[in-house]
């Protein structure tokens, strides 16, 4: 699975949220959310689910954001398995 930080940012902005506001909804720090959105910190499946719910993402948006094609960022999306 690949994650598209730019698509996530665009969806958040379309919904009218700042990173800090969305972080508060997700009950995480603004810095933590910023790192996840920018692909610096791993995004867990549970994070993706929480973000999708908070932003009320459509199935197409979920696909575009969390299952993006042609992106070489396999380490940005983490299921929680040990390496």
Protein backbone atom coordinates (compact mmCIF):
# COMPACT_ATOMS: atom_id res chain seq x y z
CA UNK A 1 0.00 0.00 0.00
CA UNK A 2 1.17 3.50 -0.74
CA UNK A 3 0.24 6.71 0.97
CA UNK A 4 -0.08 10.10 -0.72
CA UNK A 5 0.68 12.95 1.70
CA UNK A 6 -0.32 15.58 -0.88
CA UNK A 7 -3.76 14.02 -1.37
CA UNK A 8 -4.31 13.87 2.40
CA UNK A 9 -3.35 17.51 2.80
CA UNK A 10 -5.67 18.52 -0.05
CA UNK A 11 -8.60 16.59 1.48
CA UNK A 12 -7.99 18.19 4.90
CA UNK A 13 -7.89 21.68 3.39
CA UNK A 14 -11.03 21.02 1.31
CA UNK A 15 -12.80 20.15 4.57
CA UNK A 16 -11.62 23.41 6.15
CA UNK A 17 -9.39 21.95 8.86
CA UNK A 18 -5.97 23.05 9.95
CA UNK A 19 -3.50 20.36 10.98
CA UNK A 20 -3.93 21.44 14.58
CA UNK A 21 -7.74 21.20 14.42
CA UNK A 22 -7.67 17.75 12.88
CA UNK A 23 -5.05 16.60 15.39
CA UNK A 24 -7.36 17.68 18.21
CA UNK A 25 -10.23 15.64 16.71
CA UNK A 26 -7.89 12.66 16.42
CA UNK A 27 -6.68 13.18 20.00
CA UNK A 28 -3.02 13.47 18.99
CA UNK A 29 -0.58 16.37 19.08
CA UNK A 30 -0.36 18.80 16.20
CA UNK A 31 3.30 17.86 15.72
CA UNK A 32 2.42 14.16 15.55
CA UNK A 33 -0.30 14.78 12.96
CA UNK A 34 2.00 17.04 10.92
CA UNK A 35 4.66 14.32 10.75
CA UNK A 36 2.07 11.72 9.71
CA UNK A 37 0.54 13.97 7.06
CA UNK A 38 3.97 14.80 5.64
CA UNK A 39 5.07 11.17 5.54
CA UNK A 40 7.78 11.66 8.17
CA UNK A 41 6.11 9.39 10.71
CA UNK A 42 4.55 6.06 9.81
CA UNK A 43 0.83 6.05 9.24
CA UNK A 44 -0.85 3.01 10.77
CA UNK A 45 -3.99 1.42 9.37
CA UNK A 46 -5.83 2.61 12.49
CA UNK A 47 -4.61 6.18 11.77
CA UNK A 48 -5.92 5.96 8.22
CA UNK A 49 -9.29 4.76 9.51
CA UNK A 50 -9.49 7.55 12.10
CA UNK A 51 -8.52 10.21 9.56
CA UNK A 52 -10.98 8.88 6.98
CA UNK A 53 -13.78 9.01 9.55
CA UNK A 54 -12.83 12.47 10.85
CA UNK A 55 -12.72 13.91 7.33
CA UNK A 56 -15.75 11.91 6.16
CA UNK A 57 -13.78 10.73 3.15
CA UNK A 58 -15.53 9.09 0.22
CA UNK A 59 -14.40 5.63 -0.90
CA UNK A 60 -12.67 7.25 -3.89
CA UNK A 61 -10.80 9.70 -1.64
CA UNK A 62 -9.73 6.86 0.65
CA UNK A 63 -8.39 5.01 -2.38
CA UNK A 64 -6.60 8.09 -3.73
CA UNK A 65 -5.01 8.95 -0.38
CA UNK A 66 -4.18 5.63 1.23
CA UNK A 67 -3.79 3.36 -1.81
CA UNK A 68 -2.11 5.77 -4.20
CA UNK A 69 -0.46 4.30 -7.27
CA UNK A 70 3.03 4.92 -8.57
CA UNK A 71 4.38 6.30 -5.31
CA UNK A 72 7.60 4.95 -3.93
CA UNK A 73 6.76 5.43 -0.26
CA UNK A 74 6.10 1.90 1.03
CA UNK A 75 7.57 2.78 4.42
CA UNK A 76 5.01 5.53 5.05
CA UNK A 77 2.11 3.16 5.63
CA UNK A 78 2.54 0.68 8.46
CA UNK A 79 0.23 -2.17 9.42
CA UNK A 80 1.96 -2.84 12.71
CA UNK A 81 3.79 -6.03 11.80
CA UNK A 82 7.34 -6.53 13.01
CA UNK A 83 10.09 -6.39 10.47
